[in-house]
Amino acid sequence: MERLEDRFAEWFTFSWAGLGAVAVTAVLAYALVIGLTRLAGLRSFSKLSSFDFVVTIAVGSVLSSIIVLEDVSIVRGAVALGVLFGLQEAIGRLRLRYDLVARSVGNAPILLMDGPRVLHENLKKVRVSADEVRAKLREAGVASVASVQAVVMETTGEISVLHGGPAPDAWLMEDVERGEAG
C-alpha cells in the first residue's frame, strides 16, 4: 500500500519539459477552440437549450483532457472537439427543420407562476421549491407578488420573472407550457 507521504510527494513532482508541453498544448488547444467557435458561431457556447449546455460542458472536459492528460494527443482532442461542434451544428439545423428533433433535444419552458398565483403542480414537475421561486422574485426586484405577471422556468433551467407593467404579450408566452394554469 502506498504511503501518504509518497502520495503527497507525487503532487509536487514535475519536470520543466512536462510543464512546457502542457503550456504548448494549452495554447494549441485554445487556438483550436477559438477557431472552431469562429467557424460554428457564437451559439457554440450559448445556454439556449439543455443540449447546448451539455456540449459546452463536454467541450470544456475535452479541452482540459487535451491540456493535462499525456495520453490525449492534440490530434485526438481536435477530432473530439470537431465532432462536438459538428454535432451541435447538425442538431441546431435539424432542430429548426423538425419539431420532433426540437422536442427531443430541448425542454419546453414551463410556467411557475401565473400572475401572483404559484402553480404548485408545475413546481413539482420541474423540481423547484416555492422558496427558490421567492428567491428569484427578490433577485428580480419584486416587492409585491401582485406585480408579478409570470414566472417561467426556461429551457436552460434559468428562471425568468416578468413583473410590473402590462401583461406579457401572447408571443412571449407562446411556447410556454402552462400545465395546471390551463
Protein backbone atom coordinates (compact mmCIF):
# COMPACT_ATOMS: atom_id res chain seq x y z
CA MET A 1 0.00 0.00 0.00
CA GLU A 2 1.29 3.42 -0.97
CA ARG A 3 2.34 5.66 1.87
CA LEU A 4 0.64 9.01 2.33
CA GLU A 5 3.97 10.83 2.24
CA ASP A 6 4.77 9.29 -1.16
CA ARG A 7 1.36 10.37 -2.46
CA PHE A 8 1.94 13.96 -1.29
CA ALA A 9 5.38 13.99 -2.93
CA GLU A 10 3.78 12.99 -6.28
CA TRP A 11 1.54 16.04 -6.15
CA PHE A 12 4.55 18.36 -6.24
CA THR A 13 6.74 16.40 -8.67
CA PHE A 14 7.22 17.93 -12.12
CA SER A 15 9.65 18.35 -14.95
CA TRP A 16 10.28 21.54 -16.85
CA ALA A 17 9.79 19.68 -20.12
CA GLY A 18 6.43 18.38 -18.91
CA LEU A 19 5.33 21.87 -17.88
CA GLY A 20 6.46 23.21 -21.25
CA ALA A 21 4.44 20.52 -23.04
CA VAL A 22 1.36 21.46 -21.03
CA ALA A 23 1.84 25.15 -21.89
CA VAL A 24 2.29 24.49 -25.63
CA THR A 25 -0.67 22.11 -25.68
CA ALA A 26 -2.83 24.65 -23.85
CA VAL A 27 -2.00 27.34 -26.42
CA LEU A 28 -2.72 24.98 -29.35
CA ALA A 29 -5.96 23.70 -27.78
CA TYR A 30 -7.07 27.26 -27.01
CA ALA A 31 -6.42 28.31 -30.61
CA LEU A 32 -8.32 25.24 -31.82
CA VAL A 33 -11.39 26.06 -29.71
CA ILE A 34 -11.30 29.71 -30.82
CA GLY A 35 -11.06 28.61 -34.46
CA LEU A 36 -13.92 26.12 -34.13
CA THR A 37 -16.02 28.73 -32.35
CA ARG A 38 -15.40 31.20 -35.17
CA LEU A 39 -16.49 28.55 -37.70
CA ALA A 40 -19.53 27.37 -35.75
CA GLY A 41 -20.63 30.77 -34.45
CA LEU A 42 -21.39 32.19 -31.04
CA ARG A 43 -24.11 29.64 -30.35
CA SER A 44 -21.27 27.22 -29.61
CA PHE A 45 -21.20 28.42 -26.01
CA SER A 46 -24.77 29.55 -25.56
CA LYS A 47 -27.15 28.21 -22.97
CA LEU A 48 -30.18 28.28 -25.27
CA SER A 49 -31.06 24.65 -24.60
CA SER A 50 -30.01 21.75 -22.43
CA PHE A 51 -28.25 20.28 -25.48
CA ASP A 52 -26.17 23.46 -25.87
CA PHE A 53 -25.28 23.34 -22.20
CA VAL A 54 -24.16 19.68 -22.45
CA VAL A 55 -21.97 20.48 -25.46
CA THR A 56 -20.39 23.40 -23.60
CA ILE A 57 -19.54 21.13 -20.66
CA ALA A 58 -18.21 18.42 -23.00
CA VAL A 59 -16.01 20.93 -24.84
CA GLY A 60 -14.56 22.06 -21.51
CA SER A 61 -13.89 18.48 -20.50
CA VAL A 62 -12.18 17.62 -23.79
CA LEU A 63 -10.17 20.83 -23.62
CA SER A 64 -8.91 20.05 -20.13
CA SER A 65 -8.11 16.46 -21.14
CA ILE A 66 -6.06 17.65 -24.11
CA ILE A 67 -4.10 20.02 -21.89
CA VAL A 68 -3.29 17.89 -18.84
CA LEU A 69 -3.52 14.24 -19.87
CA GLU A 70 -0.43 12.88 -21.58
CA ASP A 71 -2.31 10.09 -23.39
CA VAL A 72 -4.69 12.51 -25.17
CA SER A 73 -2.93 14.00 -28.18
CA ILE A 74 -3.84 17.34 -29.70
CA VAL A 75 -4.98 15.46 -32.82
CA ARG A 76 -7.34 13.20 -30.85
CA GLY A 77 -8.63 16.23 -28.98
CA ALA A 78 -9.12 18.14 -32.23
CA VAL A 79 -11.19 15.28 -33.64
CA ALA A 80 -13.29 15.12 -30.45
CA LEU A 81 -13.87 18.87 -30.48
CA GLY A 82 -14.66 18.82 -34.20
CA VAL A 83 -17.25 16.10 -33.64
CA LEU A 84 -18.85 18.02 -30.75
CA PHE A 85 -19.03 21.28 -32.71
CA GLY A 86 -20.29 19.37 -35.77
CA LEU A 87 -22.99 17.64 -33.73
CA GLN A 88 -24.10 20.93 -32.27
CA GLU A 89 -24.31 22.49 -35.72
CA ALA A 90 -26.20 19.50 -37.17
CA ILE A 91 -28.64 19.29 -34.25
CA GLY A 92 -29.18 23.06 -34.42
CA ARG A 93 -30.13 22.82 -38.10
CA LEU A 94 -32.31 19.74 -37.58
CA ARG A 95 -33.99 21.42 -34.61
CA LEU A 96 -35.05 24.30 -36.87
CA ARG A 97 -36.44 21.96 -39.55
CA TYR A 98 -38.12 19.24 -37.49
CA ASP A 99 -40.30 19.71 -34.42
CA LEU A 100 -39.61 16.13 -33.33
CA VAL A 101 -35.88 16.87 -33.09
CA ALA A 102 -36.57 20.16 -31.29
CA ARG A 103 -38.75 18.37 -28.73
CA SER A 104 -36.24 15.52 -28.35
CA VAL A 105 -33.19 17.64 -27.55
CA GLY A 106 -34.83 20.58 -25.81
CA ASN A 107 -37.19 21.25 -22.97
CA ALA A 108 -40.26 23.44 -23.17
CA PRO A 109 -40.32 26.43 -20.86
CA ILE A 110 -42.89 25.95 -18.10
CA LEU A 111 -44.98 28.47 -16.21
CA LEU A 112 -44.27 28.51 -12.46
CA MET A 113 -46.43 31.49 -11.55
CA ASP A 114 -49.44 32.77 -13.43
CA GLY A 115 -49.65 36.32 -12.19
CA PRO A 116 -49.39 36.20 -8.40
CA ARG A 117 -50.65 32.57 -8.30
CA VAL A 118 -47.98 29.92 -7.62
CA LEU A 119 -48.52 26.80 -9.76
CA HIS A 120 -47.52 24.10 -7.27
CA GLU A 121 -48.02 21.16 -9.67
CA ASN A 122 -45.70 22.79 -12.18
CA LEU A 123 -43.14 23.39 -9.41
CA LYS A 124 -43.27 19.68 -8.57
CA LYS A 125 -42.91 18.76 -12.23
CA VAL A 126 -39.64 20.70 -12.58
CA ARG A 127 -38.47 20.01 -9.00
CA VAL A 128 -38.30 23.63 -7.92
CA SER A 129 -39.38 24.76 -4.47
CA ALA A 130 -41.51 27.77 -3.66
CA ASP A 131 -38.51 29.05 -1.66
CA GLU A 132 -36.38 29.06 -4.82
CA VAL A 133 -39.09 30.98 -6.71
CA ARG A 134 -39.30 33.53 -3.86
CA ALA A 135 -35.53 33.98 -4.06
CA LYS A 136 -35.78 34.62 -7.81
CA LEU A 137 -38.56 37.14 -7.24
CA ARG A 138 -36.41 39.03 -4.74
CA GLU A 139 -33.44 38.84 -7.11
CA ALA A 140 -35.62 40.39 -9.85
CA GLY A 141 -36.55 43.26 -7.55
CA VAL A 142 -40.15 42.19 -6.99
CA ALA A 143 -41.52 43.91 -3.89
CA SER A 144 -45.08 42.58 -4.16
CA VAL A 145 -46.38 39.38 -5.73
CA ALA A 146 -49.30 41.49 -7.01
CA SER A 147 -46.88 42.97 -9.58
CA VAL A 148 -45.86 39.53 -10.90
CA GLN A 149 -47.15 38.82 -14.40
CA ALA A 150 -45.43 35.44 -14.89
CA VAL A 151 -42.54 33.34 -13.67
CA VAL A 152 -41.16 30.90 -16.22
CA MET A 153 -38.54 28.16 -15.97
CA GLU A 154 -36.73 28.50 -19.28
CA THR A 155 -35.31 25.70 -21.43
CA THR A 156 -31.90 26.35 -19.87
CA GLY A 157 -33.15 25.86 -16.31
CA GLU A 158 -32.94 29.60 -15.63
CA ILE A 159 -35.98 31.25 -14.08
CA SER A 160 -37.36 34.39 -15.73
CA VAL A 161 -39.54 36.82 -13.80
CA LEU A 162 -41.90 39.15 -15.68
CA HIS A 163 -43.29 41.83 -13.39
CA GLY A 164 -44.73 45.32 -13.39
CA GLY A 165 -46.22 46.96 -16.42
CA PRO A 166 -48.73 45.31 -18.74
CA ALA A 167 -49.32 41.57 -19.05
CA PRO A 168 -46.81 39.78 -21.28
CA ASP A 169 -47.59 39.71 -24.99
CA ALA A 170 -49.01 36.42 -26.27
CA TRP A 171 -45.95 35.99 -28.50
CA LEU A 172 -43.63 35.99 -25.46
CA MET A 173 -45.65 33.21 -23.83
CA GLU A 174 -46.39 31.21 -26.99
CA ASP A 175 -44.04 28.28 -26.29
CA VAL A 176 -44.53 28.20 -22.51
CA GLU A 177 -46.13 25.06 -21.14
CA ARG A 178 -48.94 26.16 -18.88
CA GLY A 179 -49.58 22.92 -17.01
CA GLU A 180 -52.04 23.48 -14.17
CA ALA A 181 -52.61 27.08 -15.30
CA GLY A 182 -54.54 25.69 -18.27
